[in-house]
Protein backbone atom coordinates (compact mmCIF):
# COMPACT_ATOMS: atom_id res chain seq x y z
CA UNK A 1 -24.00 -83.25 -2.03
CA UNK A 2 -27.01 -81.01 -2.38
CA UNK A 3 -27.82 -79.79 -5.87
CA UNK A 4 -26.99 -76.15 -6.51
CA UNK A 5 -30.69 -75.35 -7.06
CA UNK A 6 -31.43 -76.56 -3.49
CA UNK A 7 -28.79 -74.31 -1.96
CA UNK A 8 -29.70 -70.88 -0.66
CA UNK A 9 -28.28 -67.89 -2.47
CA UNK A 10 -25.73 -65.84 -0.57
CA UNK A 11 -27.47 -62.65 0.60
CA UNK A 12 -24.27 -60.66 0.05
CA UNK A 13 -23.14 -61.68 -3.46
CA UNK A 14 -26.33 -63.42 -4.66
CA UNK A 15 -24.51 -66.55 -5.88
CA UNK A 16 -25.20 -70.22 -5.03
CA UNK A 17 -22.27 -72.07 -6.56
CA UNK A 18 -19.88 -71.56 -3.63
CA UNK A 19 -22.39 -71.81 -0.75
CA UNK A 20 -21.71 -74.69 1.64
CA UNK A 21 -23.52 -75.82 4.80
CA UNK A 22 -21.97 -75.34 8.22
CA UNK A 23 -21.96 -78.53 10.30
CA UNK A 24 -22.00 -78.37 14.11
CA UNK A 25 -21.23 -81.14 16.58
CA UNK A 26 -18.63 -83.87 16.68
CA UNK A 27 -17.63 -84.55 13.08
CA UNK A 28 -17.99 -88.04 11.66
CA UNK A 29 -15.24 -89.43 9.42
CA UNK A 30 -17.35 -88.64 6.33
CA UNK A 31 -17.75 -85.05 7.58
CA UNK A 32 -13.99 -84.73 7.80
CA UNK A 33 -13.66 -85.94 4.20
CA UNK A 34 -16.34 -83.52 2.99
CA UNK A 35 -14.63 -80.65 4.83
CA UNK A 36 -11.29 -81.52 3.22
CA UNK A 37 -13.00 -81.41 -0.21
CA UNK A 38 -14.58 -78.04 0.65
CA UNK A 39 -18.14 -79.38 0.55
CA UNK A 40 -18.98 -78.40 4.15
CA UNK A 41 -17.52 -76.21 6.88
CA UNK A 42 -16.96 -77.70 10.33
CA UNK A 43 -17.89 -75.25 13.06
CA UNK A 44 -17.17 -77.08 16.28
CA UNK A 45 -19.23 -78.73 18.96
CA UNK A 46 -20.91 -75.73 20.57
CA UNK A 47 -23.71 -74.00 18.72
CA UNK A 48 -25.13 -70.68 19.84
CA UNK A 49 -28.64 -69.33 19.21
CA UNK A 50 -27.78 -67.11 16.22
CA UNK A 51 -25.21 -69.46 14.70
CA UNK A 52 -25.04 -69.30 10.89
CA UNK A 53 -26.13 -72.28 8.79
CA UNK A 54 -24.21 -71.52 5.58
CA UNK A 55 -20.94 -70.05 4.38
CA UNK A 56 -20.22 -68.49 0.99
CA UNK A 57 -16.72 -69.38 -0.19
CA UNK A 58 -16.99 -66.76 -2.94
CA UNK A 59 -17.29 -63.72 -0.64
CA UNK A 60 -16.54 -65.22 2.83
CA UNK A 61 -20.00 -64.39 4.18
CA UNK A 62 -21.68 -66.43 6.95
CA UNK A 63 -25.49 -66.42 6.85
CA UNK A 64 -28.68 -68.18 7.91
CA UNK A 65 -29.70 -69.00 11.45
CA UNK A 66 -29.82 -72.29 13.25
CA UNK A 67 -33.39 -73.17 14.16
CA UNK A 68 -33.79 -73.53 17.89
CA UNK A 69 -36.53 -75.45 19.62
CA UNK A 70 -39.03 -73.31 21.50
CA UNK A 71 -40.32 -74.56 24.81
């Protein structure tokens, strides 16, 4: 798991301790275990252009944007 100092702060509540990454795509068995422990959020297979990258469990805020490749 990423250290708390490496996590982004939630732009709504300003805290880092309950921020978790959002994982897109087919989950691996280890992803399922991490999701059950509340370490990540599984978002499904499809990812849209402005999809959030993080979720704050403290205030239920989704934030960040998935980087898309430019052509």
